Amino acid sequence: MSRLVVVSNRIAIPDGSKASAGGLAVGILDALKTTGGLWFGWDGEISAVTEEEDEELGIVEHDGITYASFPLDQNEYDLYYCQFSNTVVWPAFHYRLDLVQFQREAWEGYCDVNEKLARRLQPLIQPDDILWIHDYHLLPFAAALRKLGITNRIGFFLHIPFPTPEIFNALPPHEELLEMLCDYDLLGFQTENDRVAFIDCLTQLTELESTGDKLHHAFGHTFATEVYPIGIEPDSIKEMAEGPLPPKMAAMKRELGDAKNIIACERLDYSKGLPERFLAYEALLENFPEHRGKIRYSQIAPTSRGDVQAYQDIRHQLETEAGRINGKYGTLGWTPLYYLNQHFDRRLLMKIFRLTDVGLVTPLRDGMNLVAKEYVAAQDPDDPGVLVLSRFAGAANELTSALIVNPYDRDEVAAALNTALTMPRTERISRYNDMMAVLRKNDISAWRESFLKDLRAIDARHDATQDDNKVTSLPRLA
C-alpha cells in the first residue's frame, strides 16, 4: 500500500505526555499507523533565523510515523498566519467580509510560505506516496508542489465552510485561489452546500466540465469533489465521560443540587456566535422567568489567536455582556452566567458535558463543529442531556434530532432552551439514541477511510509532456 503523507498547518509531535489527542489528530494518526507515513507541518515555534537561512527540519520517529516539522520566522508568521490565513481567509469563509483586512503583501507572504513548505517537503516525497493536505492555510499547496514537478496524488480536505460566490469573489485573489485549488486531485468538503459553493464559484469564473459523479475539468486540470463529514470516536468520548468525578467536580455537582446546567464550550472566536448566545440566554431569563434561580449557564471560551484584533475585541465584548447580565438578573445566592476564559483538559470537559442538562452549540457559521458531536457522545444513555444546535453548523445536517435553531433569532434560541430544560426523559432518550446511531455510522474512521479510498482510486497526474486536457484520466469515485 502506498505511503501516506499528511500535511497540516500545525502537527501534533509526540512529547511523551498522556494528554488526550483531539479527534482529528487521532484520525490522522490511525491512518499513518496503518500505512506507515509522514506528518509534515509547522511546529508552532517562531525562529530568529532569517528566511534565507532555513533551519534544518526537525525529524522525530515515533510508533512507525515520521514527524517532520519546522519553525516560521516572525515575518512569515505575521503575513502567512496572522494576516492572510486569519484576517482574510478565515473571516471570509465564515461569511464575515466586514472583518477581512486584505493586504497584497500578506497574500504574497501566504503564497511564499506555501511555496517554501513545498520545497522543504519535496525531498521527502517518494514516487508512490499519496498526499493528504488539510485546511485553509494550505489552499495553494498543491499548485506549489506541481510547479516543482510533483505528480503524486494529492487530496485536500477543507475543515471550514466554503463561501458562496457573492462572498468568495470579493477576495481580490479569488481567481488565483480557485485555479490553485484545481491542482488537487480530490477536494473534500464538510457539507454538500460547501461543495456546491465551490463549484458555483468555478462556474462563474471559467469553463467547467462536470459529469454526474462529481468529476470536473477546469483551468486545464481534472479533479474530483466529494463530501466527507468529519466524525468523532464515540466510544472514546464515552469512556472519558464515565467514571468517578475529580473532587472539585463532585463538589460542583453537590453545589448545583437540583439546578439545571447549560454548557457551551468553544475557543474564543467571532464565528461561534457568543455575543448572540449571551443575548439569547438573557431572553430565556426574560421570557421564561420561572427558570430564574434554578439554572446556570457556563460558557467556556479559551483565548485563540490573541494577536488578532478581532479576537481581542470579542473577548472584551463578552466580559462586558456577562457582567451586565449577571448584574441585571443575579442575586446574592445565584449567579446566572459563568464565563470562563480558560482552557480545560479534554478528558475533564467530557465529564462536564455528561453532568450538564443542555449543550448549547450555536455558531453563526461552522464547517462541522465537533463539540456538538462530543456533547452527545458524552451523555448518560439513561438520562441524557439535550443538544441545542445552530442550523449553520455542518453538524446540523447529521444531528437532526437536536433542537435546531437560527442563532440570529434570540427568542427562538430562548424558546429552544426552555424546551430542552423541560423535555421529558423519554423524549431525551429517543433523541439521544437517534443521534448516537448517526455518530457511530459516521465516525472518524469512516471519514478517514472514505476519503483515502477515493484518493487512492485516482490516477497520479500526467507528467507535463502528456495532454493535460484528456478527460479519460478522470478518477472514478465509489
Protein backbone atom coordinates (compact mmCIF):
# COMPACT_ATOMS: atom_id res chain seq x y z
CA MET A 1 0.00 0.00 0.00
CA SER A 2 1.22 3.50 -0.84
CA ARG A 3 2.75 5.51 1.99
CA LEU A 4 0.60 8.36 3.30
CA VAL A 5 2.00 11.88 3.68
CA VAL A 6 -0.17 14.24 5.75
CA VAL A 7 0.44 17.99 5.63
CA SER A 8 -1.26 20.41 8.03
CA ASN A 9 -0.50 23.87 9.34
CA ARG A 10 0.32 22.51 12.82
CA ILE A 11 1.34 18.99 13.71
CA ALA A 12 0.97 17.06 16.95
CA ILE A 13 4.54 15.99 17.72
CA PRO A 14 4.56 13.25 20.40
CA ASP A 15 6.18 14.52 23.60
CA GLY A 16 5.63 11.59 25.93
CA SER A 17 2.76 13.23 27.80
CA LYS A 18 -0.54 11.41 28.34
CA ALA A 19 -2.69 14.33 27.24
CA SER A 20 -5.55 13.07 25.12
CA ALA A 21 -5.33 13.97 21.46
CA GLY A 22 -8.24 15.59 19.70
CA GLY A 23 -10.41 13.67 17.25
CA LEU A 24 -8.67 14.95 14.10
CA ALA A 25 -5.22 14.04 15.42
CA VAL A 26 -6.49 10.58 16.33
CA GLY A 27 -7.93 10.09 12.85
CA ILE A 28 -4.72 11.15 11.14
CA LEU A 29 -2.50 9.10 13.46
CA ASP A 30 -4.55 5.96 12.86
CA ALA A 31 -4.22 6.42 9.10
CA LEU A 32 -0.46 6.94 9.35
CA LYS A 33 -0.01 3.90 11.60
CA THR A 34 -1.89 1.71 9.12
CA THR A 35 0.30 2.50 6.10
CA GLY A 36 3.41 3.97 7.65
CA GLY A 37 3.86 7.57 6.79
CA LEU A 38 4.99 11.12 7.29
CA TRP A 39 3.29 14.05 9.04
CA PHE A 40 4.69 17.39 7.90
CA GLY A 41 3.89 20.86 9.24
CA TRP A 42 4.75 23.88 11.37
CA ASP A 43 5.94 23.11 14.90
CA GLY A 44 4.32 26.23 16.36
CA GLU A 45 7.64 27.94 17.05
CA ILE A 46 8.88 31.35 15.88
CA SER A 47 12.50 31.23 14.78
CA ALA A 48 15.08 34.01 14.84
CA VAL A 49 16.70 32.52 11.75
CA THR A 50 16.11 34.61 8.62
CA GLU A 51 14.26 33.42 5.57
CA GLU A 52 17.49 32.92 3.64
CA GLU A 53 18.92 30.57 6.29
CA ASP A 54 16.28 27.83 6.54
CA GLU A 55 16.69 25.75 9.69
CA GLU A 56 17.03 22.01 9.41
CA LEU A 57 13.74 20.15 9.59
CA GLY A 58 13.04 18.64 12.98
CA ILE A 59 12.62 14.90 12.40
CA VAL A 60 11.06 12.65 15.05
CA GLU A 61 10.34 8.93 14.57
CA HIS A 62 7.65 7.51 16.81
CA ASP A 63 5.47 4.41 16.58
CA GLY A 64 6.18 3.91 12.88
CA ILE A 65 5.41 7.52 11.96
CA THR A 66 7.89 10.19 10.87
CA TYR A 67 7.15 13.73 12.09
CA ALA A 68 8.89 16.45 10.08
CA SER A 69 8.42 19.96 11.45
CA PHE A 70 9.83 23.43 11.01
CA PRO A 71 9.55 26.88 12.61
CA LEU A 72 8.40 30.06 10.90
CA ASP A 73 10.29 33.31 11.17
CA GLN A 74 8.47 36.35 12.54
CA ASN A 75 7.69 37.84 9.14
CA GLU A 76 6.32 34.54 7.81
CA TYR A 77 4.19 34.11 10.91
CA ASP A 78 2.77 37.62 10.59
CA LEU A 79 1.99 37.51 6.86
CA TYR A 80 1.04 33.86 6.29
CA TYR A 81 -0.63 33.01 9.59
CA CYS A 82 -1.85 36.12 11.41
CA GLN A 83 -2.71 38.21 8.37
CA PHE A 84 -3.77 36.26 5.30
CA SER A 85 -4.91 33.00 6.92
CA ASN A 86 -6.68 34.59 9.87
CA THR A 87 -7.70 38.08 8.75
CA VAL A 88 -8.64 37.19 5.16
CA VAL A 89 -9.45 33.51 4.58
CA TRP A 90 -10.96 32.71 8.00
CA PRO A 91 -13.40 35.65 8.20
CA ALA A 92 -14.36 35.44 4.51
CA PHE A 93 -15.00 31.69 4.62
CA HIS A 94 -17.16 32.29 7.72
CA TYR A 95 -19.17 34.97 5.86
CA ARG A 96 -17.64 37.94 7.71
CA LEU A 97 -16.43 40.19 4.92
CA ASP A 98 -16.64 43.12 7.33
CA LEU A 99 -13.66 41.65 9.21
CA VAL A 100 -11.50 40.95 6.15
CA GLN A 101 -8.30 43.01 6.09
CA PHE A 102 -6.68 42.27 2.74
CA GLN A 103 -3.14 43.42 2.05
CA ARG A 104 -1.25 42.45 -1.10
CA GLU A 105 1.90 41.90 0.95
CA ALA A 106 0.10 39.35 3.13
CA TRP A 107 -1.21 37.47 0.06
CA GLU A 108 2.32 37.30 -1.35
CA GLY A 109 3.64 36.14 2.03
CA TYR A 110 0.93 33.44 2.20
CA CYS A 111 1.95 32.12 -1.22
CA ASP A 112 5.66 32.36 -0.38
CA VAL A 113 5.25 30.23 2.76
CA ASN A 114 3.24 27.62 0.84
CA GLU A 115 5.99 27.51 -1.79
CA LYS A 116 8.66 27.25 0.91
CA LEU A 117 6.83 24.36 2.55
CA ALA A 118 6.53 22.62 -0.81
CA ARG A 119 10.30 22.97 -1.40
CA ARG A 120 11.04 21.57 2.06
CA LEU A 121 8.66 18.66 1.61
CA GLN A 122 9.81 17.78 -1.92
CA PRO A 123 12.96 15.80 -0.94
CA LEU A 124 10.90 13.70 1.49
CA ILE A 125 8.31 12.59 -1.10
CA GLN A 126 8.63 9.11 -2.53
CA PRO A 127 7.29 8.28 -6.03
CA ASP A 128 4.36 6.19 -4.80
CA ASP A 129 3.31 8.43 -1.88
CA ILE A 130 -0.18 9.84 -1.66
CA LEU A 131 -0.52 13.29 -0.07
CA TRP A 132 -3.39 14.46 2.13
CA ILE A 133 -3.40 18.22 2.75
CA HIS A 134 -5.54 19.86 5.42
CA ASP A 135 -7.33 23.17 5.70
CA TYR A 136 -7.36 26.80 4.70
CA HIS A 137 -3.75 27.65 5.47
CA LEU A 138 -2.68 25.46 2.54
CA LEU A 139 -5.07 26.32 -0.29
CA PRO A 140 -2.15 26.93 -2.76
CA PHE A 141 -0.04 23.97 -1.59
CA ALA A 142 -0.80 21.56 -4.44
CA ALA A 143 -0.07 24.27 -7.01
CA ALA A 144 3.30 24.88 -5.34
CA LEU A 145 4.08 21.15 -5.47
CA ARG A 146 3.03 20.87 -9.11
CA LYS A 147 5.44 23.70 -10.00
CA LEU A 148 8.21 21.52 -8.58
CA GLY A 149 7.17 18.62 -10.80
CA ILE A 150 5.37 16.55 -8.15
CA THR A 151 2.82 14.31 -9.91
CA ASN A 152 1.71 12.23 -6.91
CA ARG A 153 -1.95 12.01 -5.99
CA ILE A 154 -2.80 14.98 -3.76
CA GLY A 155 -6.04 15.30 -1.82
CA PHE A 156 -7.28 18.31 0.14
CA PHE A 157 -9.83 18.49 2.94
CA LEU A 158 -11.35 21.82 3.96
CA HIS A 159 -12.38 21.76 7.61
CA ILE A 160 -14.18 25.12 7.49
CA PRO A 161 -17.08 26.26 5.27
CA PHE A 162 -16.58 27.26 1.64
CA PRO A 163 -18.42 30.52 0.89
CA THR A 164 -20.86 31.25 -1.91
CA PRO A 165 -19.63 33.24 -4.95
CA GLU A 166 -21.05 36.51 -3.57
CA ILE A 167 -18.61 36.19 -0.67
CA PHE A 168 -15.66 34.39 -2.24
CA ASN A 169 -15.46 36.61 -5.31
CA ALA A 170 -14.99 39.66 -3.06
CA LEU A 171 -11.49 38.43 -2.24
CA PRO A 172 -9.00 40.14 -4.57
CA PRO A 173 -7.07 36.92 -5.35
CA HIS A 174 -10.21 34.76 -5.74
CA GLU A 175 -9.40 33.65 -9.29
CA GLU A 176 -5.83 32.69 -8.40
CA LEU A 177 -7.05 30.72 -5.38
CA LEU A 178 -9.62 28.81 -7.42
CA GLU A 179 -7.08 27.90 -10.08
CA MET A 180 -4.66 26.73 -7.39
CA LEU A 181 -7.33 24.54 -5.80
CA CYS A 182 -7.86 22.79 -9.12
CA ASP A 183 -4.31 21.42 -8.84
CA TYR A 184 -5.61 18.99 -6.22
CA ASP A 185 -6.87 15.63 -7.45
CA LEU A 186 -9.60 15.34 -4.82
CA LEU A 187 -11.24 18.18 -2.88
CA GLY A 188 -13.21 17.16 0.20
CA PHE A 189 -15.81 19.33 1.95
CA GLN A 190 -17.82 19.03 5.16
CA THR A 191 -21.24 19.51 3.54
CA GLU A 192 -22.89 19.45 0.14
CA ASN A 193 -23.57 23.19 0.48
CA ASP A 194 -19.82 23.82 0.72
CA ARG A 195 -19.07 21.60 -2.27
CA VAL A 196 -21.74 23.27 -4.38
CA ALA A 197 -20.48 26.73 -3.36
CA PHE A 198 -17.01 25.81 -4.66
CA ILE A 199 -18.44 24.54 -7.95
CA ASP A 200 -20.59 27.68 -8.30
CA CYS A 201 -17.51 29.85 -7.84
CA LEU A 202 -15.73 27.96 -10.60
CA THR A 203 -18.74 28.16 -12.90
CA GLN A 204 -18.83 31.94 -12.64
CA LEU A 205 -15.13 32.33 -13.46
CA THR A 206 -14.19 29.70 -16.01
CA GLU A 207 -15.48 26.98 -18.28
CA LEU A 208 -16.23 23.96 -16.11
CA GLU A 209 -16.91 20.47 -17.45
CA SER A 210 -18.64 18.20 -14.95
CA THR A 211 -20.12 14.74 -15.02
CA GLY A 212 -22.84 13.36 -12.82
CA ASP A 213 -20.38 11.63 -10.49
CA LYS A 214 -18.75 14.85 -9.20
CA LEU A 215 -15.84 14.80 -11.65
CA HIS A 216 -14.68 18.08 -13.15
CA HIS A 217 -12.32 19.72 -15.62
CA ALA A 218 -11.30 23.38 -15.21
CA PHE A 219 -8.20 25.51 -15.76
CA GLY A 220 -6.68 22.60 -17.72
CA HIS A 221 -6.91 20.20 -14.75
CA THR A 222 -9.09 17.23 -13.91
CA PHE A 223 -10.21 16.71 -10.32
CA ALA A 224 -12.98 15.28 -8.16
CA THR A 225 -15.08 16.81 -5.39
CA GLU A 226 -16.92 14.97 -2.64
CA VAL A 227 -18.50 15.46 0.78
CA TYR A 228 -16.86 13.83 3.83
CA PRO A 229 -18.46 14.96 7.11
CA ILE A 230 -15.81 14.57 9.78
CA GLY A 231 -16.74 12.48 12.80
CA ILE A 232 -15.51 11.62 16.28
CA GLU A 233 -14.69 8.46 18.25
CA PRO A 234 -17.96 7.94 20.18
CA ASP A 235 -16.65 5.10 22.32
CA SER A 236 -13.54 7.03 23.30
CA ILE A 237 -15.65 10.05 24.28
CA LYS A 238 -17.99 7.82 26.30
CA GLU A 239 -15.04 6.28 28.13
CA MET A 240 -13.63 9.70 29.02
CA ALA A 241 -17.02 10.91 30.25
CA GLU A 242 -17.68 7.91 32.50
CA GLY A 243 -16.04 7.01 35.78
CA PRO A 244 -15.56 8.83 39.09
CA LEU A 245 -15.53 12.59 39.17
CA PRO A 246 -12.49 14.58 40.30
CA PRO A 247 -13.06 16.04 43.78
CA LYS A 248 -13.68 19.59 42.53
CA MET A 249 -16.28 18.39 40.03
CA ALA A 250 -18.02 16.27 42.66
CA ALA A 251 -18.21 19.34 44.88
CA MET A 252 -19.61 21.39 41.99
CA LYS A 253 -22.29 18.77 41.35
CA ARG A 254 -23.31 18.88 45.02
CA GLU A 255 -23.38 22.67 44.91
CA LEU A 256 -25.71 22.67 41.91
CA GLY A 257 -28.23 20.47 43.67
CA ASP A 258 -31.43 20.42 41.63
CA ALA A 259 -30.40 23.38 39.47
CA LYS A 260 -30.04 22.62 35.77
CA ASN A 261 -26.85 23.48 33.93
CA ILE A 262 -26.43 24.75 30.38
CA ILE A 263 -22.93 24.24 28.97
CA ALA A 264 -21.21 25.79 25.97
CA CYS A 265 -17.56 25.29 25.07
CA GLU A 266 -15.51 26.54 22.14
CA ARG A 267 -12.47 28.66 21.56
CA LEU A 268 -13.00 32.41 21.60
CA ASP A 269 -13.97 33.24 18.02
CA TYR A 270 -16.47 35.58 16.37
CA SER A 271 -17.74 32.74 14.15
CA LYS A 272 -19.11 30.94 17.22
CA GLY A 273 -21.91 33.42 17.89
CA LEU A 274 -21.03 34.01 21.53
CA PRO A 275 -22.46 37.54 21.94
CA GLU A 276 -25.66 36.41 20.24
CA ARG A 277 -25.76 33.40 22.57
CA PHE A 278 -25.44 35.58 25.67
CA LEU A 279 -28.36 37.67 24.44
CA ALA A 280 -30.42 34.53 23.80
CA TYR A 281 -29.76 33.38 27.37
CA GLU A 282 -30.87 36.80 28.59
CA ALA A 283 -34.06 36.34 26.53
CA LEU A 284 -34.60 33.00 28.27
CA LEU A 285 -34.42 34.68 31.68
CA GLU A 286 -36.74 37.46 30.49
CA ASN A 287 -39.29 35.35 28.59
CA PHE A 288 -39.33 32.37 30.97
CA PRO A 289 -38.84 33.86 34.45
CA GLU A 290 -39.71 30.54 36.09
CA HIS A 291 -36.11 29.43 35.40
CA ARG A 292 -34.52 32.26 37.35
CA GLY A 293 -32.53 30.92 40.27
CA LYS A 294 -32.92 27.34 39.00
CA ILE A 295 -30.43 27.22 36.12
CA ARG A 296 -26.85 28.14 35.38
CA TYR A 297 -25.19 28.81 32.04
CA SER A 298 -21.45 28.05 31.92
CA GLN A 299 -19.58 29.39 28.88
CA ILE A 300 -16.04 28.06 28.41
CA ALA A 301 -14.16 30.07 25.78
CA PRO A 302 -10.34 29.96 25.91
CA THR A 303 -8.48 32.68 24.02
CA SER A 304 -7.33 31.87 20.49
CA ARG A 305 -5.33 33.96 18.05
CA GLY A 306 -4.75 36.63 20.66
CA ASP A 307 -2.55 38.56 18.21
CA VAL A 308 -5.56 39.36 16.01
CA GLN A 309 -7.52 42.49 16.96
CA ALA A 310 -10.94 40.99 16.21
CA TYR A 311 -10.33 38.34 18.87
CA GLN A 312 -9.30 40.92 21.44
CA ASP A 313 -12.49 42.84 20.69
CA ILE A 314 -14.82 39.88 21.18
CA ARG A 315 -13.17 38.98 24.48
CA HIS A 316 -13.85 42.48 25.80
CA GLN A 317 -17.44 42.33 24.49
CA LEU A 318 -18.16 39.02 26.24
CA GLU A 319 -16.70 40.19 29.54
CA THR A 320 -18.94 43.27 29.35
CA GLU A 321 -22.08 41.30 28.47
CA ALA A 322 -21.50 38.67 31.16
CA GLY A 323 -21.15 41.36 33.80
CA ARG A 324 -24.26 43.17 32.58
CA ILE A 325 -26.45 40.02 32.57
CA ASN A 326 -25.25 38.90 35.99
CA GLY A 327 -25.78 42.39 37.35
CA LYS A 328 -29.31 42.52 35.94
CA TYR A 329 -30.59 39.07 36.93
CA GLY A 330 -28.22 37.75 39.60
CA THR A 331 -28.99 37.63 43.31
CA LEU A 332 -26.85 37.22 46.41
CA GLY A 333 -27.36 33.46 46.19
CA TRP A 334 -27.43 32.96 42.42
CA THR A 335 -25.08 33.80 39.54
CA PRO A 336 -26.89 33.14 36.24
CA LEU A 337 -23.87 33.12 33.89
CA TYR A 338 -20.34 31.82 34.40
CA TYR A 339 -17.94 32.98 31.67
CA LEU A 340 -14.60 31.14 31.81
CA ASN A 341 -11.86 32.43 29.53
CA GLN A 342 -9.57 29.47 30.16
CA HIS A 343 -8.55 26.10 28.79
CA PHE A 344 -9.91 22.84 30.20
CA ASP A 345 -8.37 19.39 29.72
CA ARG A 346 -10.35 17.46 27.14
CA ARG A 347 -10.96 14.48 29.45
CA LEU A 348 -12.35 16.80 32.10
CA LEU A 349 -14.58 18.51 29.52
CA MET A 350 -16.20 15.21 28.57
CA LYS A 351 -17.12 14.65 32.23
CA ILE A 352 -18.51 18.19 32.43
CA PHE A 353 -20.61 17.52 29.33
CA ARG A 354 -22.03 14.38 30.94
CA LEU A 355 -23.13 16.32 34.02
CA THR A 356 -24.99 19.05 32.14
CA ASP A 357 -28.62 19.16 31.09
CA VAL A 358 -28.28 21.22 27.92
CA GLY A 359 -25.47 21.58 25.37
CA LEU A 360 -25.69 24.97 23.64
CA VAL A 361 -23.83 24.98 20.30
CA THR A 362 -24.96 27.93 18.20
CA PRO A 363 -22.21 29.13 15.83
CA LEU A 364 -23.09 31.71 13.21
CA ARG A 365 -21.21 29.57 10.69
CA ASP A 366 -19.18 26.39 11.21
CA GLY A 367 -17.72 23.75 8.94
CA MET A 368 -18.83 20.90 11.19
CA ASN A 369 -18.47 21.60 14.96
CA LEU A 370 -17.21 18.50 16.71
CA VAL A 371 -18.18 19.87 20.14
CA ALA A 372 -21.82 19.18 19.24
CA LYS A 373 -20.97 15.56 18.47
CA GLU A 374 -18.80 15.18 21.56
CA TYR A 375 -21.55 16.56 23.79
CA VAL A 376 -23.98 13.90 22.56
CA ALA A 377 -21.45 11.07 22.83
CA ALA A 378 -20.60 12.06 26.43
CA GLN A 379 -24.18 11.76 27.70
CA ASP A 380 -25.55 9.16 30.10
CA PRO A 381 -27.75 6.91 27.87
CA ASP A 382 -30.30 6.53 30.67
CA ASP A 383 -30.57 10.25 31.43
CA PRO A 384 -29.10 12.25 28.53
CA GLY A 385 -28.94 15.99 28.13
CA VAL A 386 -30.41 17.87 25.16
CA LEU A 387 -28.41 19.46 22.35
CA VAL A 388 -29.47 22.89 21.05
CA LEU A 389 -27.70 23.31 17.72
CA SER A 390 -27.32 26.07 15.14
CA ARG A 391 -28.69 25.34 11.68
CA PHE A 392 -25.49 26.93 10.32
CA ALA A 393 -23.19 24.26 11.77
CA GLY A 394 -22.32 21.40 9.45
CA ALA A 395 -23.30 19.00 12.25
CA ALA A 396 -26.94 20.08 11.85
CA ASN A 397 -27.08 18.03 8.64
CA GLU A 398 -26.47 14.85 10.64
CA LEU A 399 -27.75 15.57 14.16
CA THR A 400 -31.31 16.25 13.07
CA SER A 401 -32.72 15.09 16.42
CA ALA A 402 -31.11 18.05 18.15
CA LEU A 403 -33.18 21.19 18.68
CA ILE A 404 -32.14 23.08 15.54
CA VAL A 405 -32.21 26.89 15.83
CA ASN A 406 -31.35 30.08 14.00
CA PRO A 407 -28.64 31.70 16.17
CA TYR A 408 -29.61 35.17 14.91
CA ASP A 409 -33.08 34.78 16.46
CA ARG A 410 -32.55 35.17 20.21
CA ASP A 411 -36.19 34.44 21.03
CA GLU A 412 -36.14 31.21 19.03
CA VAL A 413 -32.96 30.10 20.85
CA ALA A 414 -34.53 31.07 24.19
CA ALA A 415 -37.63 29.02 23.40
CA ALA A 416 -35.46 26.04 22.41
CA LEU A 417 -33.58 26.32 25.72
CA ASN A 418 -36.88 26.28 27.58
CA THR A 419 -37.96 23.18 25.62
CA ALA A 420 -34.64 21.49 26.41
CA LEU A 421 -34.85 22.32 30.12
CA THR A 422 -38.38 20.90 30.40
CA MET A 423 -38.12 17.94 28.00
CA PRO A 424 -39.35 14.57 29.39
CA ARG A 425 -36.74 11.85 29.85
CA THR A 426 -38.38 9.53 27.29
CA GLU A 427 -38.04 12.15 24.56
CA ARG A 428 -34.48 12.95 25.59
CA ILE A 429 -33.52 9.28 25.35
CA SER A 430 -35.19 8.91 21.94
CA ARG A 431 -33.36 11.93 20.53
CA TYR A 432 -30.07 10.75 22.04
CA ASN A 433 -30.41 7.27 20.50
CA ASP A 434 -31.14 8.74 17.07
CA MET A 435 -28.04 10.93 17.20
CA MET A 436 -25.77 8.21 18.58
CA ALA A 437 -26.72 5.95 15.66
CA VAL A 438 -25.50 8.66 13.29
CA LEU A 439 -22.30 9.27 15.27
CA ARG A 440 -21.42 5.58 15.23
CA LYS A 441 -22.07 5.26 11.49
CA ASN A 442 -20.20 8.43 10.52
CA ASP A 443 -17.31 8.22 12.98
CA ILE A 444 -13.75 9.47 12.48
CA SER A 445 -12.68 6.13 10.96
CA ALA A 446 -15.44 6.24 8.34
CA TRP A 447 -14.41 9.81 7.43
CA ARG A 448 -10.75 8.90 7.07
CA GLU A 449 -11.29 5.64 5.23
CA SER A 450 -13.79 7.05 2.72
CA PHE A 451 -11.53 9.98 1.83
CA LEU A 452 -8.38 7.88 1.45
CA LYS A 453 -10.22 5.18 -0.51
CA ASP A 454 -11.35 7.78 -3.04
CA LEU A 455 -7.92 9.40 -3.19
CA ARG A 456 -6.19 6.08 -3.78
CA ALA A 457 -8.61 5.33 -6.62
CA ILE A 458 -7.31 8.35 -8.54
CA ASP A 459 -4.50 8.01 -11.06
CA ALA A 460 -1.40 10.13 -10.49
CA ARG A 461 -1.21 13.26 -12.65
CA HIS A 462 0.09 13.02 -16.21
CA ASP A 463 3.53 14.48 -16.49
CA ALA A 464 3.90 17.75 -18.36
CA THR A 465 4.66 16.10 -21.72
CA GLN A 466 1.23 14.50 -21.91
CA ASP A 467 -2.05 16.04 -23.00
CA ASP A 468 -3.30 17.90 -19.91
CA ASN A 469 -6.81 18.12 -21.33
CA LYS A 470 -7.59 14.41 -21.54
CA VAL A 471 -10.75 13.74 -19.62
CA THR A 472 -10.17 9.97 -19.90
CA SER A 473 -7.93 10.12 -16.82
CA LEU A 474 -10.72 11.38 -14.56
CA PRO A 475 -10.98 9.42 -11.30
CA ARG A 476 -13.90 7.21 -10.51
CA LEU A 477 -15.31 7.66 -7.03
CA ALA A 478 -17.12 4.86 -5.24
